Amino acid sequence: GTEGGGMDQAISFYGAQDTAQRISFGAGTVSATPVSLPRSASIVVAHSLDTHSLAHSAYNTRVCECRIAAAALLQANAGIERQENETLEQSLPRVYGRPPVLRDALSQAKGLDDAVPAGPIPLRDAIALLGLGDGGATSALCAGSDGTQLVEASTEVRPGDRASHVFAEAQRVSLFHEICEKAARGEMTGEEACRALGKLMDESHTSCAKLFSCSCDSLDELVDTFRRNGALGARL
């Protein structure tokens, strides 16, 4: 099966007219914070007409890569013991002992660049570099909720790139929210806010495509088409 998240389901439930929602996940909880976009902003949603199946995509590989990165992050910070199937989001508060400032997370994480294998590297080798051995450790890091193995040991993984995307994307979400609030308070003009938001969207797409490898040719072409025709920013 697919170790899927809850973002699409959450926005389907919390979505409201003329309002964006900032979705937050906690330990068994989900919440949404309404975010007012600048009044001058126009959002266009388009379909690339391409299709894919999560069950036959690299979705599960990304889950495994992020677990490896979380394990490396904990190990690099005073050898904090890893919990089973711990995610990057769950590991950060345990590393810092407080809600982390995500924009500083990468620079603050002791030895993260050295600790997290950048890749591409076979999964079995990434596990070995963490000193967790193979076999049982591989199964623990890359097992699905039903106990089945998510990824073959020979699969090439890039946990360092995936972690960099996750941290930077979380930062962009926070910045996006901050910019919208500044515009609502009159601290930025609508044009200034829209240009700043567009820049974040551009950065997000580049990160999705280059670091998380979750884009495709048709999406990249669609994003480029929007940009060539005057969009201030575009992302998948």
C-alpha atoms as a PDB file:
ATOM      1  CA  GLY A   1       0.000   0.000   0.000  1.00  0.00           C
ATOM      2  CA  THR A   2       0.886   3.672  -0.067  1.00  0.00           C
ATOM      3  CA  GLU A   3       2.104   5.433   3.089  1.00  0.00           C
ATOM      4  CA  GLY A   4       0.074   8.506   2.198  1.00  0.00           C
ATOM      5  CA  GLY A   5      -0.357  11.752   4.082  1.00  0.00           C
ATOM      6  CA  GLY A   6      -3.496  13.693   4.918  1.00  0.00           C
ATOM      7  CA  MET A   7      -3.028  17.039   3.176  1.00  0.00           C
ATOM      8  CA  ASP A   8      -5.525  16.494   0.342  1.00  0.00           C
ATOM      9  CA  GLN A   9      -8.117  15.051   2.707  1.00  0.00           C
ATOM     10  CA  ALA A  10      -7.627  17.895   5.191  1.00  0.00           C
ATOM     11  CA  ILE A  11      -8.114  20.714   2.674  1.00  0.00           C
ATOM     12  CA  SER A  12     -11.178  18.938   1.282  1.00  0.00           C
ATOM     13  CA  PHE A  13     -12.648  19.064   4.784  1.00  0.00           C
ATOM     14  CA  TYR A  14     -11.429  22.502   5.919  1.00  0.00           C
ATOM     15  CA  GLY A  15     -11.602  24.377   2.612  1.00  0.00           C
ATOM     16  CA  ALA A  16     -13.586  27.628   2.643  1.00  0.00           C
ATOM     17  CA  GLN A  17     -14.529  30.136  -0.050  1.00  0.00           C
ATOM     18  CA  ASP A  18     -12.081  33.011  -0.695  1.00  0.00           C
ATOM     19  CA  THR A  19      -9.654  31.711   1.947  1.00  0.00           C
ATOM     20  CA  ALA A  20      -6.468  29.688   1.905  1.00  0.00           C
ATOM     21  CA  GLN A  21      -5.864  27.263   4.774  1.00  0.00           C
ATOM     22  CA  ARG A  22      -2.612  26.514   6.569  1.00  0.00           C
ATOM     23  CA  ILE A  23      -2.856  22.839   7.492  1.00  0.00           C
ATOM     24  CA  SER A  24      -0.972  21.627  10.574  1.00  0.00           C
ATOM     25  CA  PHE A  25      -0.499  18.054  11.732  1.00  0.00           C
ATOM     26  CA  GLY A  26       0.381  17.023  15.276  1.00  0.00           C
ATOM     27  CA  ALA A  27       0.407  13.793  17.242  1.00  0.00           C
ATOM     28  CA  GLY A  28      -2.858  12.339  16.008  1.00  0.00           C
ATOM     29  CA  THR A  29      -4.341  15.776  15.355  1.00  0.00           C
ATOM     30  CA  VAL A  30      -4.966  18.024  12.364  1.00  0.00           C
ATOM     31  CA  SER A  31      -5.958  21.687  12.306  1.00  0.00           C
ATOM     32  CA  ALA A  32      -6.387  24.501   9.804  1.00  0.00           C
ATOM     33  CA  THR A  33      -5.678  28.221  10.101  1.00  0.00           C
ATOM     34  CA  PRO A  34      -7.489  30.532   7.630  1.00  0.00           C
ATOM     35  CA  VAL A  35      -5.115  32.699   5.594  1.00  0.00           C
ATOM     36  CA  SER A  36      -6.377  35.726   3.663  1.00  0.00           C
ATOM     37  CA  LEU A  37      -4.579  36.237   0.354  1.00  0.00           C
ATOM     38  CA  PRO A  38      -3.879  39.775  -0.919  1.00  0.00           C
ATOM     39  CA  ARG A  39      -7.028  41.172  -2.535  1.00  0.00           C
ATOM     40  CA  SER A  40      -5.168  41.874  -5.766  1.00  0.00           C
ATOM     41  CA  ALA A  41      -3.999  38.253  -6.091  1.00  0.00           C
ATOM     42  CA  SER A  42      -5.488  36.054  -8.808  1.00  0.00           C
ATOM     43  CA  ILE A  43      -4.883  32.318  -8.500  1.00  0.00           C
ATOM     44  CA  VAL A  44      -5.152  30.122 -11.596  1.00  0.00           C
ATOM     45  CA  VAL A  45      -5.405  26.339 -11.154  1.00  0.00           C
ATOM     46  CA  ALA A  46      -4.702  24.233 -14.234  1.00  0.00           C
ATOM     47  CA  HIS A  47      -4.497  20.507 -15.029  1.00  0.00           C
ATOM     48  CA  SER A  48      -1.412  19.228 -16.834  1.00  0.00           C
ATOM     49  CA  LEU A  49      -3.592  16.384 -18.237  1.00  0.00           C
ATOM     50  CA  ASP A  50      -0.945  13.936 -17.021  1.00  0.00           C
ATOM     51  CA  THR A  51      -1.896  11.157 -14.604  1.00  0.00           C
ATOM     52  CA  HIS A  52      -0.077   8.960 -12.108  1.00  0.00           C
ATOM     53  CA  SER A  53      -0.748   6.276  -9.532  1.00  0.00           C
ATOM     54  CA  LEU A  54       0.578   6.759  -6.004  1.00  0.00           C
ATOM     55  CA  ALA A  55       0.753   3.004  -5.537  1.00  0.00           C
ATOM     56  CA  HIS A  56       3.148   2.742  -8.497  1.00  0.00           C
ATOM     57  CA  SER A  57       5.073   5.980  -7.888  1.00  0.00           C
ATOM     58  CA  ALA A  58       8.112   6.796  -5.755  1.00  0.00           C
ATOM     59  CA  TYR A  59       5.855   8.007  -2.916  1.00  0.00           C
ATOM     60  CA  ASN A  60       6.866   5.211  -0.556  1.00  0.00           C
ATOM     61  CA  THR A  61      10.521   5.770  -1.403  1.00  0.00           C
ATOM     62  CA  ARG A  62      10.197   9.404  -0.275  1.00  0.00           C
ATOM     63  CA  VAL A  63       8.699   8.211   3.026  1.00  0.00           C
ATOM     64  CA  CYS A  64      11.678   5.924   3.580  1.00  0.00           C
ATOM     65  CA  GLU A  65      14.203   8.609   2.581  1.00  0.00           C
ATOM     66  CA  CYS A  66      12.712  11.075   5.058  1.00  0.00           C
ATOM     67  CA  ARG A  67      12.804   8.476   7.840  1.00  0.00           C
ATOM     68  CA  ILE A  68      16.498   7.919   7.116  1.00  0.00           C
ATOM     69  CA  ALA A  69      17.083  11.691   7.258  1.00  0.00           C
ATOM     70  CA  ALA A  70      15.186  11.910  10.568  1.00  0.00           C
ATOM     71  CA  ALA A  71      17.292   9.087  12.018  1.00  0.00           C
ATOM     72  CA  ALA A  72      20.488  10.828  10.891  1.00  0.00           C
ATOM     73  CA  LEU A  73      19.338  14.159  12.354  1.00  0.00           C
ATOM     74  CA  LEU A  74      18.666  12.572  15.736  1.00  0.00           C
ATOM     75  CA  GLN A  75      21.942  10.684  15.681  1.00  0.00           C
ATOM     76  CA  ALA A  76      23.869  13.859  14.833  1.00  0.00           C
ATOM     77  CA  ASN A  77      22.375  15.654  17.824  1.00  0.00           C
ATOM     78  CA  ALA A  78      23.731  13.891  20.904  1.00  0.00           C
ATOM     79  CA  GLY A  79      22.581  10.498  19.689  1.00  0.00           C
ATOM     80  CA  ILE A  80      18.913  10.953  20.545  1.00  0.00           C
ATOM     81  CA  GLU A  81      17.225   7.575  20.329  1.00  0.00           C
ATOM     82  CA  ARG A  82      15.057   7.181  17.267  1.00  0.00           C
ATOM     83  CA  GLN A  83      11.432   6.199  17.644  1.00  0.00           C
ATOM     84  CA  GLU A  84       9.913   3.707  15.228  1.00  0.00           C
ATOM     85  CA  ASN A  85       9.010   5.238  11.834  1.00  0.00           C
ATOM     86  CA  GLU A  86       9.829   8.731  13.114  1.00  0.00           C
ATOM     87  CA  THR A  87       9.362  11.528  10.584  1.00  0.00           C
ATOM     88  CA  LEU A  88      11.367  14.708  10.074  1.00  0.00           C
ATOM     89  CA  GLU A  89       8.509  16.734  11.558  1.00  0.00           C
ATOM     90  CA  GLN A  90       8.447  14.558  14.694  1.00  0.00           C
ATOM     91  CA  SER A  91      12.211  14.583  15.131  1.00  0.00           C
ATOM     92  CA  LEU A  92      12.731  18.364  15.093  1.00  0.00           C
ATOM     93  CA  PRO A  93      11.037  19.223  18.438  1.00  0.00           C
ATOM     94  CA  ARG A  94      12.957  16.386  20.105  1.00  0.00           C
ATOM     95  CA  VAL A  95      16.238  17.735  18.753  1.00  0.00           C
ATOM     96  CA  TYR A  96      15.647  21.346  19.814  1.00  0.00           C
ATOM     97  CA  GLY A  97      13.430  20.804  22.848  1.00  0.00           C
ATOM     98  CA  ARG A  98      10.933  23.372  21.586  1.00  0.00           C
ATOM     99  CA  PRO A  99       8.944  24.169  18.434  1.00  0.00           C
ATOM    100  CA  PRO A 100      11.853  24.650  16.010  1.00  0.00           C
ATOM    101  CA  VAL A 101      12.460  27.771  13.955  1.00  0.00           C
ATOM    102  CA  LEU A 102      12.319  25.961  10.636  1.00  0.00           C
ATOM    103  CA  ARG A 103      14.108  28.655   8.663  1.00  0.00           C
ATOM    104  CA  ASP A 104      17.179  28.034  10.866  1.00  0.00           C
ATOM    105  CA  ALA A 105      16.796  24.276  11.203  1.00  0.00           C
ATOM    106  CA  LEU A 106      19.361  23.227   8.635  1.00  0.00           C
ATOM    107  CA  SER A 107      22.044  25.588   9.902  1.00  0.00           C
ATOM    108  CA  GLN A 108      21.327  24.714  13.540  1.00  0.00           C
ATOM    109  CA  ALA A 109      21.283  20.931  13.121  1.00  0.00           C
ATOM    110  CA  LYS A 110      24.655  19.735  14.356  1.00  0.00           C
ATOM    111  CA  GLY A 111      26.477  17.808  11.639  1.00  0.00           C
ATOM    112  CA  LEU A 112      23.384  17.357   9.485  1.00  0.00           C
ATOM    113  CA  ASP A 113      25.191  17.913   6.192  1.00  0.00           C
ATOM    114  CA  ASP A 114      27.718  15.256   7.112  1.00  0.00           C
ATOM    115  CA  ALA A 115      25.262  12.939   8.844  1.00  0.00           C
ATOM    116  CA  VAL A 116      22.551  12.685   6.187  1.00  0.00           C
ATOM    117  CA  PRO A 117      23.698  10.785   3.063  1.00  0.00           C
ATOM    118  CA  ALA A 118      23.116  13.092   0.106  1.00  0.00           C
ATOM    119  CA  GLY A 119      22.846  10.351  -2.490  1.00  0.00           C
ATOM    120  CA  PRO A 120      22.043   8.949  -4.847  1.00  0.00           C
ATOM    121  CA  ILE A 121      23.101   5.941  -2.808  1.00  0.00           C
ATOM    122  CA  PRO A 122      21.659   2.424  -2.470  1.00  0.00           C
ATOM    123  CA  LEU A 123      19.307   2.141   0.480  1.00  0.00           C
ATOM    124  CA  ARG A 124      21.387  -0.574   2.125  1.00  0.00           C
ATOM    125  CA  ASP A 125      24.472   1.681   1.998  1.00  0.00           C
ATOM    126  CA  ALA A 126      22.581   4.651   3.466  1.00  0.00           C
ATOM    127  CA  ILE A 127      21.497   2.458   6.381  1.00  0.00           C
ATOM    128  CA  ALA A 128      25.066   1.243   6.855  1.00  0.00           C
ATOM    129  CA  LEU A 129      26.420   4.814   6.922  1.00  0.00           C
ATOM    130  CA  LEU A 130      24.124   5.525   9.846  1.00  0.00           C
ATOM    131  CA  GLY A 131      25.643   2.584  11.688  1.00  0.00           C
ATOM    132  CA  LEU A 132      22.275   0.855  11.853  1.00  0.00           C
ATOM    133  CA  GLY A 133      23.420  -2.192   9.931  1.00  0.00           C
ATOM    134  CA  ASP A 134      21.169  -3.886   7.421  1.00  0.00           C
ATOM    135  CA  GLY A 135      18.317  -6.387   7.388  1.00  0.00           C
ATOM    136  CA  GLY A 136      16.285  -5.626  10.500  1.00  0.00           C
ATOM    137  CA  ALA A 137      17.268  -1.972  10.552  1.00  0.00           C
ATOM    138  CA  THR A 138      16.330  -1.593   6.902  1.00  0.00           C
ATOM    139  CA  SER A 139      12.961  -3.182   7.633  1.00  0.00           C
ATOM    140  CA  ALA A 140      12.345  -0.898  10.632  1.00  0.00           C
ATOM    141  CA  LEU A 141      13.083   2.271   8.668  1.00  0.00           C
ATOM    142  CA  CYS A 142      11.271   1.229   5.525  1.00  0.00           C
ATOM    143  CA  ALA A 143       8.336  -0.856   6.679  1.00  0.00           C
ATOM    144  CA  GLY A 144       4.765   0.089   5.919  1.00  0.00           C
ATOM    145  CA  SER A 145       1.956   0.270   8.455  1.00  0.00           C
ATOM    146  CA  ASP A 146       1.092  -3.310   7.525  1.00  0.00           C
ATOM    147  CA  GLY A 147       4.672  -4.486   8.091  1.00  0.00           C
ATOM    148  CA  THR A 148       5.542  -4.945   4.436  1.00  0.00           C
ATOM    149  CA  GLN A 149       8.801  -3.580   3.016  1.00  0.00           C
ATOM    150  CA  LEU A 150       8.262  -0.246   1.246  1.00  0.00           C
ATOM    151  CA  VAL A 151      11.516  -0.107  -0.700  1.00  0.00           C
ATOM    152  CA  GLU A 152      13.952  -2.680  -2.043  1.00  0.00           C
ATOM    153  CA  ALA A 153      17.410  -2.569  -0.421  1.00  0.00           C
ATOM    154  CA  SER A 154      19.030  -1.862  -3.795  1.00  0.00           C
ATOM    155  CA  THR A 155      16.874   1.230  -4.484  1.00  0.00           C
ATOM    156  CA  GLU A 156      18.899   4.423  -4.848  1.00  0.00           C
ATOM    157  CA  VAL A 157      17.880   7.050  -2.292  1.00  0.00           C
ATOM    158  CA  ARG A 158      18.691  10.745  -1.705  1.00  0.00           C
ATOM    159  CA  PRO A 159      17.790  11.440   1.956  1.00  0.00           C
ATOM    160  CA  GLY A 160      19.911  14.604   2.149  1.00  0.00           C
ATOM    161  CA  ASP A 161      18.119  16.242  -0.773  1.00  0.00           C
ATOM    162  CA  ARG A 162      14.731  15.162   0.563  1.00  0.00           C
ATOM    163  CA  ALA A 163      15.468  16.644   4.009  1.00  0.00           C
ATOM    164  CA  SER A 164      16.662  19.904   2.466  1.00  0.00           C
ATOM    165  CA  HIS A 165      13.385  20.174   0.553  1.00  0.00           C
ATOM    166  CA  VAL A 166      11.219  19.358   3.581  1.00  0.00           C
ATOM    167  CA  PHE A 167      12.884  21.977   5.790  1.00  0.00           C
ATOM    168  CA  ALA A 168      12.956  24.668   3.108  1.00  0.00           C
ATOM    169  CA  GLU A 169       9.352  24.008   2.083  1.00  0.00           C
ATOM    170  CA  ALA A 170       8.211  24.319   5.703  1.00  0.00           C
ATOM    171  CA  GLN A 171      10.054  27.634   5.849  1.00  0.00           C
ATOM    172  CA  ARG A 172       8.327  28.810   2.675  1.00  0.00           C
ATOM    173  CA  VAL A 173       4.918  27.957   4.138  1.00  0.00           C
ATOM    174  CA  SER A 174       5.702  30.087   7.202  1.00  0.00           C
ATOM    175  CA  LEU A 175       6.971  32.961   5.059  1.00  0.00           C
ATOM    176  CA  PHE A 176       3.917  32.743   2.778  1.00  0.00           C
ATOM    177  CA  HIS A 177       1.654  33.079   5.823  1.00  0.00           C
ATOM    178  CA  GLU A 178       3.700  35.990   7.197  1.00  0.00           C
ATOM    179  CA  ILE A 179       3.536  37.879   3.895  1.00  0.00           C
ATOM    180  CA  CYS A 180      -0.248  37.467   3.720  1.00  0.00           C
ATOM    181  CA  GLU A 181      -0.595  38.780   7.268  1.00  0.00           C
ATOM    182  CA  LYS A 182       1.631  41.794   6.493  1.00  0.00           C
ATOM    183  CA  ALA A 183      -0.497  42.602   3.456  1.00  0.00           C
ATOM    184  CA  ALA A 184      -3.665  42.329   5.537  1.00  0.00           C
ATOM    185  CA  ARG A 185      -2.200  44.774   8.095  1.00  0.00           C
ATOM    186  CA  GLY A 186      -1.173  47.211   5.370  1.00  0.00           C
ATOM    187  CA  GLU A 187       2.545  46.700   5.967  1.00  0.00           C
ATOM    188  CA  MET A 188       3.014  45.664   2.318  1.00  0.00           C
ATOM    189  CA  THR A 189       1.191  46.774  -0.805  1.00  0.00           C
ATOM    190  CA  GLY A 190      -0.790  44.188  -2.714  1.00  0.00           C
ATOM    191  CA  GLU A 191       1.760  44.234  -5.523  1.00  0.00           C
ATOM    192  CA  GLU A 192       4.699  43.804  -3.144  1.00  0.00           C
ATOM    193  CA  ALA A 193       2.976  40.894  -1.434  1.00  0.00           C
ATOM    194  CA  CYS A 194       2.014  39.182  -4.683  1.00  0.00           C
ATOM    195  CA  ARG A 195       5.560  39.435  -6.038  1.00  0.00           C
ATOM    196  CA  ALA A 196       6.973  38.021  -2.787  1.00  0.00           C
ATOM    197  CA  LEU A 197       4.451  35.167  -2.829  1.00  0.00           C
ATOM    198  CA  GLY A 198       5.226  34.463  -6.483  1.00  0.00           C
ATOM    199  CA  LYS A 199       8.933  34.191  -5.672  1.00  0.00           C
ATOM    200  CA  LEU A 200       8.159  31.624  -2.959  1.00  0.00           C
ATOM    201  CA  MET A 201       6.043  29.627  -5.411  1.00  0.00           C
ATOM    202  CA  ASP A 202       8.882  29.612  -7.951  1.00  0.00           C
ATOM    203  CA  GLU A 203      11.349  28.470  -5.297  1.00  0.00           C
ATOM    204  CA  SER A 204       8.921  25.781  -4.181  1.00  0.00           C
ATOM    205  CA  HIS A 205       8.555  24.330  -7.663  1.00  0.00           C
ATOM    206  CA  THR A 206      12.303  24.266  -8.226  1.00  0.00           C
ATOM    207  CA  SER A 207      12.762  22.468  -4.918  1.00  0.00           C
ATOM    208  CA  CYS A 208       9.956  20.001  -5.672  1.00  0.00           C
ATOM    209  CA  ALA A 209      11.481  19.223  -9.059  1.00  0.00           C
ATOM    210  CA  LYS A 210      15.186  19.179  -8.175  1.00  0.00           C
ATOM    211  CA  LEU A 211      15.379  18.084  -4.536  1.00  0.00           C
ATOM    212  CA  PHE A 212      12.202  16.045  -3.983  1.00  0.00           C
ATOM    213  CA  SER A 213      11.797  14.779  -7.566  1.00  0.00           C
ATOM    214  CA  CYS A 214       8.003  14.968  -7.429  1.00  0.00           C
ATOM    215  CA  SER A 215       7.417  16.942 -10.629  1.00  0.00           C
ATOM    216  CA  CYS A 216       7.313  15.704 -14.216  1.00  0.00           C
ATOM    217  CA  ASP A 217       7.906  17.101 -17.716  1.00  0.00           C
ATOM    218  CA  SER A 218       4.280  18.084 -18.285  1.00  0.00           C
ATOM    219  CA  LEU A 219       4.098  19.967 -14.973  1.00  0.00           C
ATOM    220  CA  ASP A 220       7.415  21.707 -15.601  1.00  0.00           C
ATOM    221  CA  GLU A 221       6.160  22.768 -19.035  1.00  0.00           C
ATOM    222  CA  LEU A 222       2.899  24.076 -17.588  1.00  0.00           C
ATOM    223  CA  VAL A 223       4.740  26.067 -14.913  1.00  0.00           C
ATOM    224  CA  ASP A 224       7.090  27.547 -17.542  1.00  0.00           C
ATOM    225  CA  THR A 225       4.087  28.474 -19.717  1.00  0.00           C
ATOM    226  CA  PHE A 226       2.514  30.415 -16.841  1.00  0.00           C
ATOM    227  CA  ARG A 227       5.758  32.246 -16.140  1.00  0.00           C
ATOM    228  CA  ARG A 228       6.317  33.144 -19.799  1.00  0.00           C
ATOM    229  CA  ASN A 229       2.855  34.645 -19.934  1.00  0.00           C
ATOM    230  CA  GLY A 230       3.153  36.982 -16.984  1.00  0.00           C
ATOM    231  CA  ALA A 231       2.509  34.917 -13.869  1.00  0.00           C
ATOM    232  CA  LEU A 232       4.384  36.261 -10.843  1.00  0.00           C
ATOM    233  CA  GLY A 233       5.005  32.695  -9.711  1.00  0.00           C
ATOM    234  CA  ALA A 234       3.926  29.133 -10.386  1.00  0.00           C
ATOM    235  CA  ARG A 235       4.324  25.709  -8.793  1.00  0.00           C
ATOM    236  CA  LEU A 236       2.955  22.197  -9.088  1.00  0.00           C
END
